Amino acid sequence: MARKEVQGKSEIEKYRKNLGKHEFSGRSKRNTLKSREKAQARKSSHPLQTAVLYLAFVLAVLLALYCLFFMLYDIKKTE
Protein backbone atom coordinates (compact mmCIF):
# COMPACT_ATOMS: atom_id res chain seq x y z
CA MET A 1 0.00 0.00 0.00
CA ALA A 2 1.19 3.43 -0.87
CA ARG A 3 1.03 6.24 1.63
CA LYS A 4 -0.38 9.63 0.86
CA GLU A 5 2.01 12.49 0.68
CA VAL A 6 2.73 13.95 4.06
CA GLN A 7 2.52 17.57 2.97
CA GLY A 8 -0.57 17.24 0.80
CA LYS A 9 -0.95 19.90 -1.85
CA SER A 10 1.89 22.21 -2.70
CA GLU A 11 1.68 25.93 -2.09
CA ILE A 12 1.47 26.61 -5.81
CA GLU A 13 -1.57 24.37 -6.21
CA LYS A 14 -3.27 26.07 -3.26
CA TYR A 15 -2.51 29.49 -4.77
CA ARG A 16 -3.92 28.49 -8.17
CA LYS A 17 -7.07 27.06 -6.60
CA ASN A 18 -7.52 30.25 -4.61
CA LEU A 19 -7.15 32.36 -7.77
CA GLY A 20 -9.73 30.23 -9.55
CA LYS A 21 -12.22 30.74 -6.74
CA HIS A 22 -11.81 34.52 -6.82
CA GLU A 23 -11.91 34.78 -10.59
CA PHE A 24 -15.43 33.43 -10.95
CA SER A 25 -16.94 34.70 -7.71
CA GLY A 26 -19.66 37.23 -8.35
CA ARG A 27 -20.12 36.25 -11.98
CA SER A 28 -23.18 34.61 -13.31
CA LYS A 29 -23.07 32.06 -16.08
CA ARG A 30 -24.42 34.62 -18.53
CA ASN A 31 -21.61 37.09 -17.77
CA THR A 32 -19.01 34.35 -18.05
CA LEU A 33 -20.36 33.31 -21.46
CA LYS A 34 -20.40 36.93 -22.65
CA SER A 35 -16.76 37.41 -21.69
CA ARG A 36 -15.86 34.15 -23.43
CA GLU A 37 -17.64 35.28 -26.62
CA LYS A 38 -15.79 38.61 -26.53
CA ALA A 39 -12.46 36.79 -26.22
CA GLN A 40 -13.32 34.51 -29.13
CA ALA A 41 -14.29 37.52 -31.25
CA ARG A 42 -10.92 39.14 -30.56
CA LYS A 43 -9.05 35.96 -31.46
CA SER A 44 -10.88 35.28 -34.73
CA SER A 45 -9.95 37.35 -37.74
CA HIS A 46 -12.42 39.17 -39.95
CA PRO A 47 -13.27 37.60 -43.33
CA LEU A 48 -12.10 40.69 -45.19
CA GLN A 49 -8.71 40.55 -43.49
CA THR A 50 -8.35 36.88 -44.44
CA ALA A 51 -9.29 37.62 -48.06
CA VAL A 52 -6.74 40.44 -48.26
CA LEU A 53 -4.02 38.16 -46.87
CA TYR A 54 -4.82 35.46 -49.44
CA LEU A 55 -4.81 38.02 -52.25
CA ALA A 56 -1.45 39.40 -51.10
CA PHE A 57 -0.01 35.87 -50.99
CA VAL A 58 -1.20 35.10 -54.53
CA LEU A 59 0.20 38.38 -55.82
CA ALA A 60 3.55 37.72 -54.14
CA VAL A 61 3.76 34.27 -55.75
CA LEU A 62 2.88 35.70 -59.16
CA LEU A 63 5.50 38.44 -58.76
CA ALA A 64 8.12 35.87 -57.79
CA LEU A 65 7.29 33.75 -60.85
CA TYR A 66 7.41 36.83 -63.09
CA CYS A 67 10.84 37.79 -61.75
CA LEU A 68 12.09 34.22 -62.19
CA PHE A 69 10.95 34.01 -65.82
CA PHE A 70 12.25 37.52 -66.53
CA MET A 71 15.72 36.59 -65.25
CA LEU A 72 15.73 33.33 -67.23
CA TYR A 73 14.68 35.16 -70.40
CA ASP A 74 17.29 37.86 -69.81
CA ILE A 75 20.06 35.25 -69.40
CA LYS A 76 19.08 33.52 -72.65
CA LYS A 77 18.87 36.85 -74.48
CA THR A 78 22.41 37.91 -73.49
CA GLU A 79 23.97 34.61 -74.60
PDB file of N, CA and C in Angstrom:
ATOM      1  N   MET A   1       0.827  -1.180   0.000  1.00  0.00           N
ATOM      2  CA  MET A   1       0.000   0.000   0.000  1.00  0.00           C
ATOM      3  C   MET A   1       0.874   1.247   0.000  1.00  0.00           C
ATOM      4  N   ALA A   2       0.442   2.183  -0.807  1.00  0.00           N
ATOM      5  CA  ALA A   2       1.193   3.429  -0.869  1.00  0.00           C
ATOM      6  C   ALA A   2       0.611   4.421   0.134  1.00  0.00           C
ATOM      7  N   ARG A   3       1.479   5.229   0.677  1.00  0.00           N
ATOM      8  CA  ARG A   3       1.028   6.240   1.633  1.00  0.00           C
ATOM      9  C   ARG A   3       0.757   7.543   0.895  1.00  0.00           C
ATOM     10  N   LYS A   4      -0.137   8.308   1.423  1.00  0.00           N
ATOM     11  CA  LYS A   4      -0.385   9.625   0.858  1.00  0.00           C
ATOM     12  C   LYS A   4       0.794  10.523   1.202  1.00  0.00           C
ATOM     13  N   GLU A   5       0.931  11.550   0.400  1.00  0.00           N
ATOM     14  CA  GLU A   5       2.015  12.488   0.683  1.00  0.00           C
ATOM     15  C   GLU A   5       1.774  13.148   2.034  1.00  0.00           C
ATOM     16  N   VAL A   6       2.836  13.380   2.725  1.00  0.00           N
ATOM     17  CA  VAL A   6       2.727  13.948   4.064  1.00  0.00           C
ATOM     18  C   VAL A   6       2.269  15.404   3.993  1.00  0.00           C
ATOM     19  N   GLN A   7       2.821  16.150   3.040  1.00  0.00           N
ATOM     20  CA  GLN A   7       2.519  17.573   2.974  1.00  0.00           C
ATOM     21  C   GLN A   7       1.178  17.857   2.304  1.00  0.00           C
ATOM     22  N   GLY A   8       0.676  16.968   1.505  1.00  0.00           N
ATOM     23  CA  GLY A   8      -0.571  17.237   0.800  1.00  0.00           C
ATOM     24  C   GLY A   8      -0.299  18.055  -0.445  1.00  0.00           C
ATOM     25  N   LYS A   9      -1.103  19.071  -0.663  1.00  0.00           N
ATOM     26  CA  LYS A   9      -0.950  19.904  -1.853  1.00  0.00           C
ATOM     27  C   LYS A   9       0.186  20.904  -1.662  1.00  0.00           C
ATOM     28  N   SER A  10       0.814  21.228  -2.774  1.00  0.00           N
ATOM     29  CA  SER A  10       1.888  22.212  -2.696  1.00  0.00           C
ATOM     30  C   SER A  10       1.292  23.615  -2.583  1.00  0.00           C
ATOM     31  N   GLU A  11       2.131  24.548  -2.247  1.00  0.00           N
ATOM     32  CA  GLU A  11       1.679  25.929  -2.088  1.00  0.00           C
ATOM     33  C   GLU A  11       1.210  26.510  -3.417  1.00  0.00           C
ATOM     34  N   ILE A  12       1.848  26.102  -4.493  1.00  0.00           N
ATOM     35  CA  ILE A  12       1.466  26.613  -5.808  1.00  0.00           C
ATOM     36  C   ILE A  12       0.060  26.152  -6.169  1.00  0.00           C
ATOM     37  N   GLU A  13      -0.235  24.880  -5.912  1.00  0.00           N
ATOM     38  CA  GLU A  13      -1.566  24.369  -6.209  1.00  0.00           C
ATOM     39  C   GLU A  13      -2.631  25.075  -5.370  1.00  0.00           C
ATOM     40  N   LYS A  14      -2.326  25.345  -4.119  1.00  0.00           N
ATOM     41  CA  LYS A  14      -3.266  26.072  -3.260  1.00  0.00           C
ATOM     42  C   LYS A  14      -3.496  27.484  -3.794  1.00  0.00           C
ATOM     43  N   TYR A  15      -2.422  28.130  -4.237  1.00  0.00           N
ATOM     44  CA  TYR A  15      -2.514  29.488  -4.769  1.00  0.00           C
ATOM     45  C   TYR A  15      -3.373  29.507  -6.032  1.00  0.00           C
ATOM     46  N   ARG A  16      -3.141  28.545  -6.930  1.00  0.00           N
ATOM     47  CA  ARG A  16      -3.922  28.490  -8.170  1.00  0.00           C
ATOM     48  C   ARG A  16      -5.396  28.233  -7.888  1.00  0.00           C
ATOM     49  N   LYS A  17      -5.678  27.356  -6.951  1.00  0.00           N
ATOM     50  CA  LYS A  17      -7.066  27.065  -6.600  1.00  0.00           C
ATOM     51  C   LYS A  17      -7.732  28.299  -6.016  1.00  0.00           C
ATOM     52  N   ASN A  18      -6.996  29.026  -5.203  1.00  0.00           N
ATOM     53  CA  ASN A  18      -7.522  30.249  -4.608  1.00  0.00           C
ATOM     54  C   ASN A  18      -7.810  31.295  -5.684  1.00  0.00           C
ATOM     55  N   LEU A  19      -6.925  31.422  -6.663  1.00  0.00           N
ATOM     56  CA  LEU A  19      -7.152  32.358  -7.766  1.00  0.00           C
ATOM     57  C   LEU A  19      -8.399  31.977  -8.552  1.00  0.00           C
ATOM     58  N   GLY A  20      -8.564  30.689  -8.813  1.00  0.00           N
ATOM     59  CA  GLY A  20      -9.733  30.228  -9.546  1.00  0.00           C
ATOM     60  C   GLY A  20     -11.029  30.534  -8.825  1.00  0.00           C
ATOM     61  N   LYS A  21     -11.017  30.427  -7.515  1.00  0.00           N
ATOM     62  CA  LYS A  21     -12.219  30.742  -6.742  1.00  0.00           C
ATOM     63  C   LYS A  21     -12.561  32.219  -6.853  1.00  0.00           C
ATOM     64  N   HIS A  22     -11.555  33.084  -6.776  1.00  0.00           N
ATOM     65  CA  HIS A  22     -11.806  34.520  -6.816  1.00  0.00           C
ATOM     66  C   HIS A  22     -12.162  34.999  -8.209  1.00  0.00           C
ATOM     67  N   GLU A  23     -11.675  34.320  -9.224  1.00  0.00           N
ATOM     68  CA  GLU A  23     -11.915  34.777 -10.587  1.00  0.00           C
ATOM     69  C   GLU A  23     -13.391  34.690 -10.953  1.00  0.00           C
ATOM     70  N   PHE A  24     -14.045  33.629 -10.551  1.00  0.00           N
ATOM     71  CA  PHE A  24     -15.427  33.432 -10.946  1.00  0.00           C
ATOM     72  C   PHE A  24     -16.436  33.819  -9.869  1.00  0.00           C
ATOM     73  N   SER A  25     -15.972  34.309  -8.745  1.00  0.00           N
ATOM     74  CA  SER A  25     -16.935  34.701  -7.713  1.00  0.00           C
ATOM     75  C   SER A  25     -17.623  35.987  -8.147  1.00  0.00           C
ATOM     76  N   GLY A  26     -18.913  36.032  -7.988  1.00  0.00           N
ATOM     77  CA  GLY A  26     -19.661  37.225  -8.349  1.00  0.00           C
ATOM     78  C   GLY A  26     -20.080  37.267  -9.801  1.00  0.00           C
ATOM     79  N   ARG A  27     -19.715  36.283 -10.577  1.00  0.00           N
ATOM     80  CA  ARG A  27     -20.119  36.250 -11.978  1.00  0.00           C
ATOM     81  C   ARG A  27     -21.215  35.215 -12.165  1.00  0.00           C
ATOM     82  N   SER A  28     -22.158  35.587 -12.967  1.00  0.00           N
ATOM     83  CA  SER A  28     -23.177  34.609 -13.311  1.00  0.00           C
ATOM     84  C   SER A  28     -22.719  33.860 -14.560  1.00  0.00           C
ATOM     85  N   LYS A  29     -23.438  32.836 -14.895  1.00  0.00           N
ATOM     86  CA  LYS A  29     -23.072  32.056 -16.079  1.00  0.00           C
ATOM     87  C   LYS A  29     -23.203  32.910 -17.335  1.00  0.00           C
ATOM     88  N   ARG A  30     -24.202  33.767 -17.365  1.00  0.00           N
ATOM     89  CA  ARG A  30     -24.424  34.623 -18.533  1.00  0.00           C
ATOM     90  C   ARG A  30     -23.238  35.574 -18.737  1.00  0.00           C
ATOM     91  N   ASN A  31     -22.753  36.181 -17.659  1.00  0.00           N
ATOM     92  CA  ASN A  31     -21.610  37.092 -17.767  1.00  0.00           C
ATOM     93  C   ASN A  31     -20.350  36.354 -18.188  1.00  0.00           C
ATOM     94  N   THR A  32     -20.174  35.146 -17.681  1.00  0.00           N
ATOM     95  CA  THR A  32     -19.009  34.350 -18.055  1.00  0.00           C
ATOM     96  C   THR A  32     -19.052  34.007 -19.535  1.00  0.00           C
ATOM     97  N   LEU A  33     -20.225  33.638 -20.037  1.00  0.00           N
ATOM     98  CA  LEU A  33     -20.357  33.308 -21.456  1.00  0.00           C
ATOM     99  C   LEU A  33     -20.141  34.537 -22.335  1.00  0.00           C
ATOM    100  N   LYS A  34     -20.618  35.698 -21.881  1.00  0.00           N
ATOM    101  CA  LYS A  34     -20.404  36.929 -22.648  1.00  0.00           C
ATOM    102  C   LYS A  34     -18.919  37.253 -22.757  1.00  0.00           C
ATOM    103  N   SER A  35     -18.196  37.115 -21.653  1.00  0.00           N
ATOM    104  CA  SER A  35     -16.760  37.411 -21.693  1.00  0.00           C
ATOM    105  C   SER A  35     -16.030  36.398 -22.567  1.00  0.00           C
ATOM    106  N   ARG A  36     -16.477  35.157 -22.566  1.00  0.00           N
ATOM    107  CA  ARG A  36     -15.863  34.149 -23.431  1.00  0.00           C
ATOM    108  C   ARG A  36     -16.112  34.473 -24.905  1.00  0.00           C
ATOM    109  N   GLU A  37     -17.330  34.911 -25.238  1.00  0.00           N
ATOM    110  CA  GLU A  37     -17.645  35.279 -26.618  1.00  0.00           C
ATOM    111  C   GLU A  37     -16.818  36.478 -27.072  1.00  0.00           C
ATOM    112  N   LYS A  38     -16.613  37.446 -26.184  1.00  0.00           N
ATOM    113  CA  LYS A  38     -15.787  38.605 -26.527  1.00  0.00           C
ATOM    114  C   LYS A  38     -14.349  38.183 -26.810  1.00  0.00           C
ATOM    115  N   ALA A  39     -13.832  37.271 -26.008  1.00  0.00           N
ATOM    116  CA  ALA A  39     -12.461  36.794 -26.215  1.00  0.00           C
ATOM    117  C   ALA A  39     -12.347  36.038 -27.530  1.00  0.00           C
ATOM    118  N   GLN A  40     -13.343  35.232 -27.864  1.00  0.00           N
ATOM    119  CA  GLN A  40     -13.321  34.505 -29.132  1.00  0.00           C
ATOM    120  C   GLN A  40     -13.396  35.472 -30.308  1.00  0.00           C
ATOM    121  N   ALA A  41     -14.179  36.536 -30.178  1.00  0.00           N
ATOM    122  CA  ALA A  41     -14.293  37.523 -31.248  1.00  0.00           C
ATOM    123  C   ALA A  41     -12.966  38.237 -31.469  1.00  0.00           C
ATOM    124  N   ARG A  42     -12.230  38.498 -30.399  1.00  0.00           N
ATOM    125  CA  ARG A  42     -10.923  39.141 -30.557  1.00  0.00           C
ATOM    126  C   ARG A  42      -9.930  38.214 -31.224  1.00  0.00           C
ATOM    127  N   LYS A  43     -10.009  36.918 -30.909  1.00  0.00           N
ATOM    128  CA  LYS A  43      -9.051  35.965 -31.457  1.00  0.00           C
ATOM    129  C   LYS A  43      -9.307  35.677 -32.929  1.00  0.00           C
ATOM    130  N   SER A  44     -10.566  35.627 -33.338  1.00  0.00           N
ATOM    131  CA  SER A  44     -10.875  35.283 -34.725  1.00  0.00           C
ATOM    132  C   SER A  44     -10.662  36.506 -35.611  1.00  0.00           C
ATOM    133  N   SER A  45     -10.207  36.255 -36.823  1.00  0.00           N
ATOM    134  CA  SER A  45      -9.953  37.354 -37.744  1.00  0.00           C
ATOM    135  C   SER A  45     -11.201  37.613 -38.582  1.00  0.00           C
ATOM    136  N   HIS A  46     -11.294  38.795 -39.121  1.00  0.00           N
ATOM    137  CA  HIS A  46     -12.424  39.167 -39.953  1.00  0.00           C
ATOM    138  C   HIS A  46     -12.269  38.532 -41.332  1.00  0.00           C
ATOM    139  N   PRO A  47     -13.366  38.221 -42.006  1.00  0.00           N
ATOM    140  CA  PRO A  47     -13.272  37.596 -43.334  1.00  0.00           C
ATOM    141  C   PRO A  47     -12.560  38.485 -44.350  1.00  0.00           C
ATOM    142  N   LEU A  48     -12.757  39.787 -44.260  1.00  0.00           N
ATOM    143  CA  LEU A  48     -12.101  40.695 -45.194  1.00  0.00           C
ATOM    144  C   LEU A  48     -10.588  40.660 -45.008  1.00  0.00           C
ATOM    145  N   GLN A  49     -10.144  40.615 -43.770  1.00  0.00           N
ATOM    146  CA  GLN A  49      -8.711  40.555 -43.494  1.00  0.00           C
ATOM    147  C   GLN A  49      -8.115  39.263 -44.049  1.00  0.00           C
ATOM    148  N   THR A  50      -8.824  38.160 -43.909  1.00  0.00           N
ATOM    149  CA  THR A  50      -8.353  36.881 -44.437  1.00  0.00           C
ATOM    150  C   THR A  50      -8.275  36.935 -45.958  1.00  0.00           C
ATOM    151  N   ALA A  51      -9.283  37.524 -46.599  1.00  0.00           N
ATOM    152  CA  ALA A  51      -9.291  37.623 -48.059  1.00  0.00           C
ATOM    153  C   ALA A  51      -8.129  38.478 -48.553  1.00  0.00           C
ATOM    154  N   VAL A  52      -7.854  39.563 -47.868  1.00  0.00           N
ATOM    155  CA  VAL A  52      -6.738  40.437 -48.263  1.00  0.00           C
ATOM    156  C   VAL A  52      -5.409  39.702 -48.113  1.00  0.00           C
ATOM    157  N   LEU A  53      -5.260  38.917 -47.060  1.00  0.00           N
ATOM    158  CA  LEU A  53      -4.022  38.156 -46.873  1.00  0.00           C
ATOM    159  C   LEU A  53      -3.833  37.124 -47.980  1.00  0.00           C
ATOM    160  N   TYR A  54      -4.913  36.428 -48.349  1.00  0.00           N
ATOM    161  CA  TYR A  54      -4.818  35.456 -49.444  1.00  0.00           C
ATOM    162  C   TYR A  54      -4.470  36.142 -50.756  1.00  0.00           C
ATOM    163  N   LEU A  55      -5.085  37.275 -51.022  1.00  0.00           N
ATOM    164  CA  LEU A  55      -4.805  38.017 -52.249  1.00  0.00           C
ATOM    165  C   LEU A  55      -3.353  38.488 -52.281  1.00  0.00           C
ATOM    166  N   ALA A  56      -2.846  38.968 -51.170  1.00  0.00           N
ATOM    167  CA  ALA A  56      -1.447  39.403 -51.101  1.00  0.00           C
ATOM    168  C   ALA A  56      -0.506  38.226 -51.326  1.00  0.00           C
ATOM    169  N   PHE A  57      -0.843  37.062 -50.789  1.00  0.00           N
ATOM    170  CA  PHE A  57      -0.013  35.873 -50.988  1.00  0.00           C
ATOM    171  C   PHE A  57       0.014  35.474 -52.456  1.00  0.00           C
ATOM    172  N   VAL A  58      -1.137  35.468 -53.106  1.00  0.00           N
ATOM    173  CA  VAL A  58      -1.198  35.098 -54.526  1.00  0.00           C
ATOM    174  C   VAL A  58      -0.408  36.095 -55.362  1.00  0.00           C
ATOM    175  N   LEU A  59      -0.544  37.371 -55.074  1.00  0.00           N
ATOM    176  CA  LEU A  59       0.203  38.384 -55.820  1.00  0.00           C
ATOM    177  C   LEU A  59       1.708  38.244 -55.605  1.00  0.00           C
ATOM    178  N   ALA A  60       2.125  37.909 -54.409  1.00  0.00           N
ATOM    179  CA  ALA A  60       3.549  37.720 -54.135  1.00  0.00           C
ATOM    180  C   ALA A  60       4.092  36.524 -54.910  1.00  0.00           C
ATOM    181  N   VAL A  61       3.322  35.446 -54.986  1.00  0.00           N
ATOM    182  CA  VAL A  61       3.757  34.269 -55.747  1.00  0.00           C
ATOM    183  C   VAL A  61       3.847  34.607 -57.228  1.00  0.00           C
ATOM    184  N   LEU A  62       2.852  35.318 -57.751  1.00  0.00           N
ATOM    185  CA  LEU A  62       2.884  35.702 -59.164  1.00  0.00           C
ATOM    186  C   LEU A  62       4.065  36.625 -59.461  1.00  0.00           C
ATOM    187  N   LEU A  63       4.352  37.540 -58.572  1.00  0.00           N
ATOM    188  CA  LEU A  63       5.496  38.436 -58.759  1.00  0.00           C
ATOM    189  C   LEU A  63       6.807  37.659 -58.740  1.00  0.00           C
ATOM    190  N   ALA A  64       6.911  36.686 -57.850  1.00  0.00           N
ATOM    191  CA  ALA A  64       8.123  35.867 -57.790  1.00  0.00           C
ATOM    192  C   ALA A  64       8.293  35.063 -59.076  1.00  0.00           C
ATOM    193  N   LEU A  65       7.213  34.497 -59.589  1.00  0.00           N
ATOM    194  CA  LEU A  65       7.290  33.753 -60.853  1.00  0.00           C
ATOM    195  C   LEU A  65       7.664  34.676 -62.010  1.00  0.00           C
ATOM    196  N   TYR A  66       7.087  35.868 -62.043  1.00  0.00           N
ATOM    197  CA  TYR A  66       7.407  36.830 -63.091  1.00  0.00           C
ATOM    198  C   TYR A  66       8.896  37.192 -63.059  1.00  0.00           C
ATOM    199  N   CYS A  67       9.419  37.451 -61.874  1.00  0.00           N
ATOM    200  CA  CYS A  67      10.844  37.786 -61.749  1.00  0.00           C
ATOM    201  C   CYS A  67      11.719  36.615 -62.172  1.00  0.00           C
ATOM    202  N   LEU A  68      11.328  35.406 -61.814  1.00  0.00           N
ATOM    203  CA  LEU A  68      12.095  34.224 -62.188  1.00  0.00           C
ATOM    204  C   LEU A  68      12.139  34.065 -63.700  1.00  0.00           C
ATOM    205  N   PHE A  69      10.980  34.151 -64.363  1.00  0.00           N
ATOM    206  CA  PHE A  69      10.949  34.011 -65.820  1.00  0.00           C
ATOM    207  C   PHE A  69      11.653  35.176 -66.506  1.00  0.00           C
ATOM    208  N   PHE A  70      11.564  36.373 -65.954  1.00  0.00           N
ATOM    209  CA  PHE A  70      12.250  37.522 -66.533  1.00  0.00           C
ATOM    210  C   PHE A  70      13.761  37.322 -66.489  1.00  0.00           C
ATOM    211  N   MET A  71      14.274  36.823 -65.362  1.00  0.00           N
ATOM    212  CA  MET A  71      15.717  36.591 -65.254  1.00  0.00           C
ATOM    213  C   MET A  71      16.161  35.477 -66.197  1.00  0.00           C
ATOM    214  N   LEU A  72      15.378  34.421 -66.307  1.00  0.00           N
ATOM    215  CA  LEU A  72      15.729  33.331 -67.226  1.00  0.00           C
ATOM    216  C   LEU A  72      15.722  33.817 -68.670  1.00  0.00           C
ATOM    217  N   TYR A  73      14.753  34.625 -69.041  1.00  0.00           N
ATOM    218  CA  TYR A  73      14.682  35.159 -70.397  1.00  0.00           C
ATOM    219  C   TYR A  73      15.842  36.109 -70.653  1.00  0.00           C
ATOM    220  N   ASP A  74      16.204  36.909 -69.668  1.00  0.00           N
ATOM    221  CA  ASP A  74      17.294  37.865 -69.807  1.00  0.00           C
ATOM    222  C   ASP A  74      18.629  37.139 -69.976  1.00  0.00           C
ATOM    223  N   ILE A  75      18.822  36.025 -69.274  1.00  0.00           N
ATOM    224  CA  ILE A  75      20.061  35.252 -69.400  1.00  0.00           C
ATOM    225  C   ILE A  75      20.158  34.643 -70.791  1.00  0.00           C
ATOM    226  N   LYS A  76      19.068  34.109 -71.310  1.00  0.00           N
ATOM    227  CA  LYS A  76      19.077  33.519 -72.653  1.00  0.00           C
ATOM    228  C   LYS A  76      19.285  34.587 -73.718  1.00  0.00           C
ATOM    229  N   LYS A  77      18.761  35.771 -73.506  1.00  0.00           N
ATOM    230  CA  LYS A  77      18.869  36.852 -74.480  1.00  0.00           C
ATOM    231  C   LYS A  77      20.308  37.360 -74.580  1.00  0.00           C
ATOM    232  N   THR A  78      21.043  37.399 -73.476  1.00  0.00           N
ATOM    233  CA  THR A  78      22.408  37.915 -73.491  1.00  0.00           C
ATOM    234  C   THR A  78      23.397  36.900 -74.056  1.00  0.00           C
ATOM    235  N   GLU A  79      23.044  35.627 -74.081  1.00  0.00           N
ATOM    236  CA  GLU A  79      23.967  34.610 -74.601  1.00  0.00           C
ATOM    237  C   GLU A  79      24.022  34.630 -76.054  1.00  0.00           C
TER     238      GLU A  79
END
